[in-house]
PDB file of N, CA and C in Angstrom:
ATOM      1  N   UNK A   1     198.017  52.954 118.421  1.00  0.00           N
ATOM      2  CA  UNK A   1     198.064  51.526 118.216  1.00  0.00           C
ATOM      3  C   UNK A   1     199.393  51.010 118.758  1.00  0.00           C
ATOM      4  N   UNK A   2     199.326  49.959 119.518  1.00  0.00           N
ATOM      5  CA  UNK A   2     200.515  49.282 120.025  1.00  0.00           C
ATOM      6  C   UNK A   2     200.905  48.206 119.018  1.00  0.00           C
ATOM      7  N   UNK A   3     202.175  48.177 118.618  1.00  0.00           N
ATOM      8  CA  UNK A   3     202.666  47.169 117.677  1.00  0.00           C
ATOM      9  C   UNK A   3     203.694  46.321 118.402  1.00  0.00           C
ATOM     10  N   UNK A   4     203.481  45.002 118.385  1.00  0.00           N
ATOM     11  CA  UNK A   4     204.387  44.068 119.057  1.00  0.00           C
ATOM     12  C   UNK A   4     204.879  43.016 118.083  1.00  0.00           C
ATOM     13  N   UNK A   5     206.035  42.483 118.344  1.00  0.00           N
ATOM     14  CA  UNK A   5     206.521  41.328 117.601  1.00  0.00           C
ATOM     15  C   UNK A   5     206.464  40.132 118.542  1.00  0.00           C
ATOM     16  N   UNK A   6     205.935  39.040 118.055  1.00  0.00           N
ATOM     17  CA  UNK A   6     205.852  37.817 118.838  1.00  0.00           C
ATOM     18  C   UNK A   6     206.319  36.667 117.965  1.00  0.00           C
ATOM     19  N   UNK A   7     206.921  35.668 118.570  1.00  0.00           N
ATOM     20  CA  UNK A   7     207.324  34.458 117.869  1.00  0.00           C
ATOM     21  C   UNK A   7     206.277  33.383 118.133  1.00  0.00           C
ATOM     22  N   UNK A   8     206.314  32.325 117.324  1.00  0.00           N
ATOM     23  CA  UNK A   8     205.415  31.197 117.545  1.00  0.00           C
ATOM     24  C   UNK A   8     205.601  30.703 118.981  1.00  0.00           C
ATOM     25  N   UNK A   9     204.488  30.498 119.665  1.00  0.00           N
ATOM     26  CA  UNK A   9     204.518  30.045 121.053  1.00  0.00           C
ATOM     27  C   UNK A   9     204.461  31.176 122.054  1.00  0.00           C
ATOM     28  N   UNK A  10     204.666  32.415 121.618  1.00  0.00           N
ATOM     29  CA  UNK A  10     204.588  33.556 122.527  1.00  0.00           C
ATOM     30  C   UNK A  10     203.180  34.127 122.501  1.00  0.00           C
ATOM     31  N   UNK A  11     202.832  34.883 123.543  1.00  0.00           N
ATOM     32  CA  UNK A  11     201.476  35.432 123.619  1.00  0.00           C
ATOM     33  C   UNK A  11     201.501  36.794 124.288  1.00  0.00           C
ATOM     34  N   UNK A  12     200.329  37.435 124.251  1.00  0.00           N
ATOM     35  CA  UNK A  12     200.108  38.678 124.983  1.00  0.00           C
ATOM     36  C   UNK A  12     198.825  38.492 125.783  1.00  0.00           C
ATOM     37  N   UNK A  13     198.689  39.278 126.838  1.00  0.00           N
ATOM     38  CA  UNK A  13     197.499  39.220 127.686  1.00  0.00           C
ATOM     39  C   UNK A  13     196.839  40.588 127.664  1.00  0.00           C
ATOM     40  N   UNK A  14     195.523  40.598 127.394  1.00  0.00           N
ATOM     41  CA  UNK A  14     194.750  41.838 127.345  1.00  0.00           C
ATOM     42  C   UNK A  14     193.820  41.892 128.550  1.00  0.00           C
ATOM     43  N   UNK A  15     193.810  43.013 129.217  1.00  0.00           N
ATOM     44  CA  UNK A  15     192.922  43.259 130.361  1.00  0.00           C
ATOM     45  C   UNK A  15     193.040  42.176 131.427  1.00  0.00           C
ATOM     46  N   UNK A  16     194.158  41.469 131.455  1.00  0.00           N
ATOM     47  CA  UNK A  16     194.385  40.460 132.480  1.00  0.00           C
ATOM     48  C   UNK A  16     193.593  39.181 132.316  1.00  0.00           C
ATOM     49  N   UNK A  17     192.724  39.093 131.304  1.00  0.00           N
ATOM     50  CA  UNK A  17     191.866  37.908 131.163  1.00  0.00           C
ATOM     51  C   UNK A  17     191.830  37.319 129.757  1.00  0.00           C
ATOM     52  N   UNK A  18     192.322  38.053 128.764  1.00  0.00           N
ATOM     53  CA  UNK A  18     192.273  37.575 127.379  1.00  0.00           C
ATOM     54  C   UNK A  18     193.700  37.278 126.940  1.00  0.00           C
ATOM     55  N   UNK A  19     193.938  36.033 126.519  1.00  0.00           N
ATOM     56  CA  UNK A  19     195.261  35.611 126.099  1.00  0.00           C
ATOM     57  C   UNK A  19     195.252  35.407 124.592  1.00  0.00           C
ATOM     58  N   UNK A  20     196.153  36.103 123.883  1.00  0.00           N
ATOM     59  CA  UNK A  20     196.279  35.975 122.433  1.00  0.00           C
ATOM     60  C   UNK A  20     197.641  35.344 122.156  1.00  0.00           C
ATOM     61  N   UNK A  21     197.634  34.136 121.570  1.00  0.00           N
ATOM     62  CA  UNK A  21     198.865  33.388 121.319  1.00  0.00           C
ATOM     63  C   UNK A  21     199.117  33.235 119.826  1.00  0.00           C
ATOM     64  N   UNK A  22     200.388  33.304 119.446  1.00  0.00           N
ATOM     65  CA  UNK A  22     200.775  33.026 118.060  1.00  0.00           C
ATOM     66  C   UNK A  22     200.972  31.517 117.965  1.00  0.00           C
ATOM     67  N   UNK A  23     200.150  30.861 117.139  1.00  0.00           N
ATOM     68  CA  UNK A  23     200.217  29.411 116.999  1.00  0.00           C
ATOM     69  C   UNK A  23     201.107  28.993 115.843  1.00  0.00           C
ATOM     70  N   UNK A  24     201.078  29.742 114.740  1.00  0.00           N
ATOM     71  CA  UNK A  24     201.878  29.383 113.566  1.00  0.00           C
ATOM     72  C   UNK A  24     202.001  30.582 112.642  1.00  0.00           C
ATOM     73  N   UNK A  25     203.065  30.587 111.866  1.00  0.00           N
ATOM     74  CA  UNK A  25     203.247  31.571 110.805  1.00  0.00           C
ATOM     75  C   UNK A  25     203.441  30.770 109.527  1.00  0.00           C
ATOM     76  N   UNK A  26     202.552  31.002 108.563  1.00  0.00           N
ATOM     77  CA  UNK A  26     202.569  30.261 107.300  1.00  0.00           C
ATOM     78  C   UNK A  26     202.625  31.279 106.162  1.00  0.00           C
ATOM     79  N   UNK A  27     203.831  31.564 105.660  1.00  0.00           N
ATOM     80  CA  UNK A  27     203.975  32.600 104.633  1.00  0.00           C
ATOM     81  C   UNK A  27     203.641  33.952 105.229  1.00  0.00           C
ATOM     82  N   UNK A  28     202.665  34.641 104.628  1.00  0.00           N
ATOM     83  CA  UNK A  28     202.242  35.945 105.123  1.00  0.00           C
ATOM     84  C   UNK A  28     201.052  35.855 106.074  1.00  0.00           C
ATOM     85  N   UNK A  29     200.646  34.644 106.410  1.00  0.00           N
ATOM     86  CA  UNK A  29     199.494  34.468 107.300  1.00  0.00           C
ATOM     87  C   UNK A  29     199.949  34.035 108.687  1.00  0.00           C
ATOM     88  N   UNK A  30     199.257  34.542 109.682  1.00  0.00           N
ATOM     89  CA  UNK A  30     199.566  34.202 111.071  1.00  0.00           C
ATOM     90  C   UNK A  30     198.349  33.523 111.670  1.00  0.00           C
ATOM     91  N   UNK A  31     198.555  32.387 112.306  1.00  0.00           N
ATOM     92  CA  UNK A  31     197.456  31.699 112.993  1.00  0.00           C
ATOM     93  C   UNK A  31     197.556  32.065 114.469  1.00  0.00           C
ATOM     94  N   UNK A  32     196.463  32.633 115.008  1.00  0.00           N
ATOM     95  CA  UNK A  32     196.454  33.020 116.418  1.00  0.00           C
ATOM     96  C   UNK A  32     195.388  32.230 117.156  1.00  0.00           C
ATOM     97  N   UNK A  33     195.588  32.085 118.439  1.00  0.00           N
ATOM     98  CA  UNK A  33     194.600  31.472 119.314  1.00  0.00           C
ATOM     99  C   UNK A  33     194.209  32.496 120.365  1.00  0.00           C
ATOM    100  N   UNK A  34     192.932  32.529 120.699  1.00  0.00           N
ATOM    101  CA  UNK A  34     192.439  33.493 121.679  1.00  0.00           C
ATOM    102  C   UNK A  34     191.703  32.739 122.776  1.00  0.00           C
ATOM    103  N   UNK A  35     192.128  32.953 124.005  1.00  0.00           N
ATOM    104  CA  UNK A  35     191.440  32.391 125.167  1.00  0.00           C
ATOM    105  C   UNK A  35     190.832  33.550 125.935  1.00  0.00           C
ATOM    106  N   UNK A  36     189.527  33.463 126.185  1.00  0.00           N
ATOM    107  CA  UNK A  36     188.833  34.538 126.889  1.00  0.00           C
ATOM    108  C   UNK A  36     187.685  33.942 127.698  1.00  0.00           C
ATOM    109  N   UNK A  37     187.238  34.669 128.720  1.00  0.00           N
ATOM    110  CA  UNK A  37     186.079  34.195 129.487  1.00  0.00           C
ATOM    111  C   UNK A  37     184.851  34.098 128.586  1.00  0.00           C
ATOM    112  N   UNK A  38     183.876  33.262 128.963  1.00  0.00           N
ATOM    113  CA  UNK A  38     182.685  33.064 128.130  1.00  0.00           C
ATOM    114  C   UNK A  38     181.885  34.338 127.875  1.00  0.00           C
ATOM    115  N   UNK A  39     181.972  35.326 128.746  1.00  0.00           N
ATOM    116  CA  UNK A  39     181.184  36.547 128.571  1.00  0.00           C
ATOM    117  C   UNK A  39     181.847  37.540 127.614  1.00  0.00           C
ATOM    118  N   UNK A  40     183.032  37.220 127.086  1.00  0.00           N
ATOM    119  CA  UNK A  40     183.718  38.088 126.138  1.00  0.00           C
ATOM    120  C   UNK A  40     183.404  37.614 124.730  1.00  0.00           C
ATOM    121  N   UNK A  41     182.830  38.504 123.917  1.00  0.00           N
ATOM    122  CA  UNK A  41     182.497  38.180 122.533  1.00  0.00           C
ATOM    123  C   UNK A  41     183.717  38.438 121.663  1.00  0.00           C
ATOM    124  N   UNK A  42     184.064  37.452 120.831  1.00  0.00           N
ATOM    125  CA  UNK A  42     185.188  37.590 119.907  1.00  0.00           C
ATOM    126  C   UNK A  42     184.638  37.460 118.496  1.00  0.00           C
ATOM    127  N   UNK A  43     184.846  38.506 117.677  1.00  0.00           N
ATOM    128  CA  UNK A  43     184.294  38.536 116.323  1.00  0.00           C
ATOM    129  C   UNK A  43     185.373  39.046 115.372  1.00  0.00           C
ATOM    130  N   UNK A  44     185.485  38.417 114.208  1.00  0.00           N
ATOM    131  CA  UNK A  44     186.403  38.914 113.188  1.00  0.00           C
ATOM    132  C   UNK A  44     185.929  40.281 112.710  1.00  0.00           C
ATOM    133  N   UNK A  45     186.861  41.196 112.513  1.00  0.00           N
ATOM    134  CA  UNK A  45     186.519  42.571 112.143  1.00  0.00           C
ATOM    135  C   UNK A  45     185.685  42.636 110.874  1.00  0.00           C
ATOM    136  N   UNK A  46     186.007  41.818 109.870  1.00  0.00           N
ATOM    137  CA  UNK A  46     185.260  41.897 108.609  1.00  0.00           C
ATOM    138  C   UNK A  46     183.795  41.525 108.796  1.00  0.00           C
ATOM    139  N   UNK A  47     183.486  40.690 109.771  1.00  0.00           N
ATOM    140  CA  UNK A  47     182.083  40.366 110.035  1.00  0.00           C
ATOM    141  C   UNK A  47     181.345  41.559 110.618  1.00  0.00           C
ATOM    142  N   UNK A  48     182.024  42.328 111.441  1.00  0.00           N
ATOM    143  CA  UNK A  48     181.401  43.535 111.992  1.00  0.00           C
ATOM    144  C   UNK A  48     181.130  44.540 110.886  1.00  0.00           C
ATOM    145  N   UNK A  49     182.093  44.711 109.976  1.00  0.00           N
ATOM    146  CA  UNK A  49     181.907  45.653 108.882  1.00  0.00           C
ATOM    147  C   UNK A  49     180.789  45.201 107.952  1.00  0.00           C
ATOM    148  N   UNK A  50     180.689  43.902 107.655  1.00  0.00           N
ATOM    149  CA  UNK A  50     179.656  43.391 106.760  1.00  0.00           C
ATOM    150  C   UNK A  50     178.265  43.508 107.367  1.00  0.00           C
ATOM    151  N   UNK A  51     178.161  43.488 108.677  1.00  0.00           N
ATOM    152  CA  UNK A  51     176.862  43.486 109.335  1.00  0.00           C
ATOM    153  C   UNK A  51     176.456  44.862 109.852  1.00  0.00           C
ATOM    154  N   UNK A  52     177.208  45.914 109.519  1.00  0.00           N
ATOM    155  CA  UNK A  52     176.864  47.255 110.006  1.00  0.00           C
ATOM    156  C   UNK A  52     175.468  47.675 109.568  1.00  0.00           C
ATOM    157  N   UNK A  53     175.037  47.227 108.396  1.00  0.00           N
ATOM    158  CA  UNK A  53     173.719  47.630 107.891  1.00  0.00           C
ATOM    159  C   UNK A  53     172.596  46.931 108.652  1.00  0.00           C
ATOM    160  N   UNK A  54     172.862  45.779 109.232  1.00  0.00           N
ATOM    161  CA  UNK A  54     171.837  45.012 109.943  1.00  0.00           C
ATOM    162  C   UNK A  54     172.308  44.735 111.366  1.00  0.00           C
ATOM    163  N   UNK A  55     171.954  45.604 112.335  1.00  0.00           N
ATOM    164  CA  UNK A  55     172.446  45.444 113.700  1.00  0.00           C
ATOM    165  C   UNK A  55     172.021  44.139 114.355  1.00  0.00           C
ATOM    166  N   UNK A  56     170.966  43.484 113.854  1.00  0.00           N
ATOM    167  CA  UNK A  56     170.560  42.208 114.467  1.00  0.00           C
ATOM    168  C   UNK A  56     171.562  41.114 114.157  1.00  0.00           C
ATOM    169  N   UNK A  57     172.410  41.302 113.131  1.00  0.00           N
ATOM    170  CA  UNK A  57     173.423  40.318 112.782  1.00  0.00           C
ATOM    171  C   UNK A  57     174.762  40.598 113.463  1.00  0.00           C
ATOM    172  N   UNK A  58     174.865  41.709 114.175  1.00  0.00           N
ATOM    173  CA  UNK A  58     176.098  42.071 114.858  1.00  0.00           C
ATOM    174  C   UNK A  58     176.058  41.497 116.274  1.00  0.00           C
ATOM    175  N   UNK A  59     176.953  40.540 116.600  1.00  0.00           N
ATOM    176  CA  UNK A  59     176.908  39.920 117.924  1.00  0.00           C
ATOM    177  C   UNK A  59     177.253  40.872 119.052  1.00  0.00           C
ATOM    178  N   UNK A  60     177.805  42.048 118.759  1.00  0.00           N
ATOM    179  CA  UNK A  60     178.114  43.008 119.816  1.00  0.00           C
ATOM    180  C   UNK A  60     176.969  43.974 120.078  1.00  0.00           C
ATOM    181  N   UNK A  61     175.897  43.875 119.296  1.00  0.00           N
ATOM    182  CA  UNK A  61     174.744  44.731 119.503  1.00  0.00           C
ATOM    183  C   UNK A  61     173.903  44.144 120.624  1.00  0.00           C
ATOM    184  N   UNK A  62     173.674  44.925 121.692  1.00  0.00           N
ATOM    185  CA  UNK A  62     172.853  44.394 122.772  1.00  0.00           C
ATOM    186  C   UNK A  62     171.443  44.071 122.279  1.00  0.00           C
ATOM    187  N   UNK A  63     170.929  42.948 122.681  1.00  0.00           N
ATOM    188  CA  UNK A  63     169.563  42.548 122.330  1.00  0.00           C
ATOM    189  C   UNK A  63     168.701  42.747 123.563  1.00  0.00           C
ATOM    190  N   UNK A  64     167.618  43.505 123.452  1.00  0.00           N
ATOM    191  CA  UNK A  64     166.790  43.741 124.631  1.00  0.00           C
ATOM    192  C   UNK A  64     166.186  42.432 125.127  1.00  0.00           C
ATOM    193  N   UNK A  65     165.965  42.319 126.439  1.00  0.00           N
ATOM    194  CA  UNK A  65     165.392  41.088 126.976  1.00  0.00           C
ATOM    195  C   UNK A  65     163.982  40.863 126.424  1.00  0.00           C
ATOM    196  N   UNK A  66     163.621  39.605 126.295  1.00  0.00           N
ATOM    197  CA  UNK A  66     162.287  39.252 125.792  1.00  0.00           C
ATOM    198  C   UNK A  66     161.236  39.738 126.774  1.00  0.00           C
ATOM    199  N   UNK A  67     160.145  40.236 126.221  1.00  0.00           N
ATOM    200  CA  UNK A  67     159.026  40.698 127.058  1.00  0.00           C
ATOM    201  C   UNK A  67     158.143  39.496 127.408  1.00  0.00           C
ATOM    202  N   UNK A  68     157.650  39.439 128.645  1.00  0.00           N
ATOM    203  CA  UNK A  68     156.749  38.334 129.001  1.00  0.00           C
ATOM    204  C   UNK A  68     155.464  38.382 128.145  1.00  0.00           C
ATOM    205  N   UNK A  69     155.033  37.244 127.706  1.00  0.00           N
ATOM    206  CA  UNK A  69     153.825  37.151 126.901  1.00  0.00           C
ATOM    207  C   UNK A  69     152.590  37.091 127.804  1.00  0.00           C
ATOM    208  N   UNK A  70     151.525  37.803 127.455  1.00  0.00           N
ATOM    209  CA  UNK A  70     150.297  37.725 128.274  1.00  0.00           C
ATOM    210  C   UNK A  70     149.715  36.321 128.200  1.00  0.00           C
ATOM    211  N   UNK A  71     149.092  35.893 129.293  1.00  0.00           N
ATOM    212  CA  UNK A  71     148.507  34.544 129.341  1.00  0.00           C
ATOM    213  C   UNK A  71     147.013  34.595 129.263  1.00  0.00           C
TER     214      UNK A  71
END
């Protein structure tokens, strides 16, 4: 794990396309902003853990393409 210190207004860049900025520090909470291309899914970790039992609720689970309906 890489650990960095950033001040409000500073950011890091991931994979050259995802920008993570520190917007504010309020007590022990940090407000971050994430800019990423539309094809990058961003999900809070706790949502992934809560949805492990139901893969249809996990946005990172690939959904097979719809099959054409017979006419």
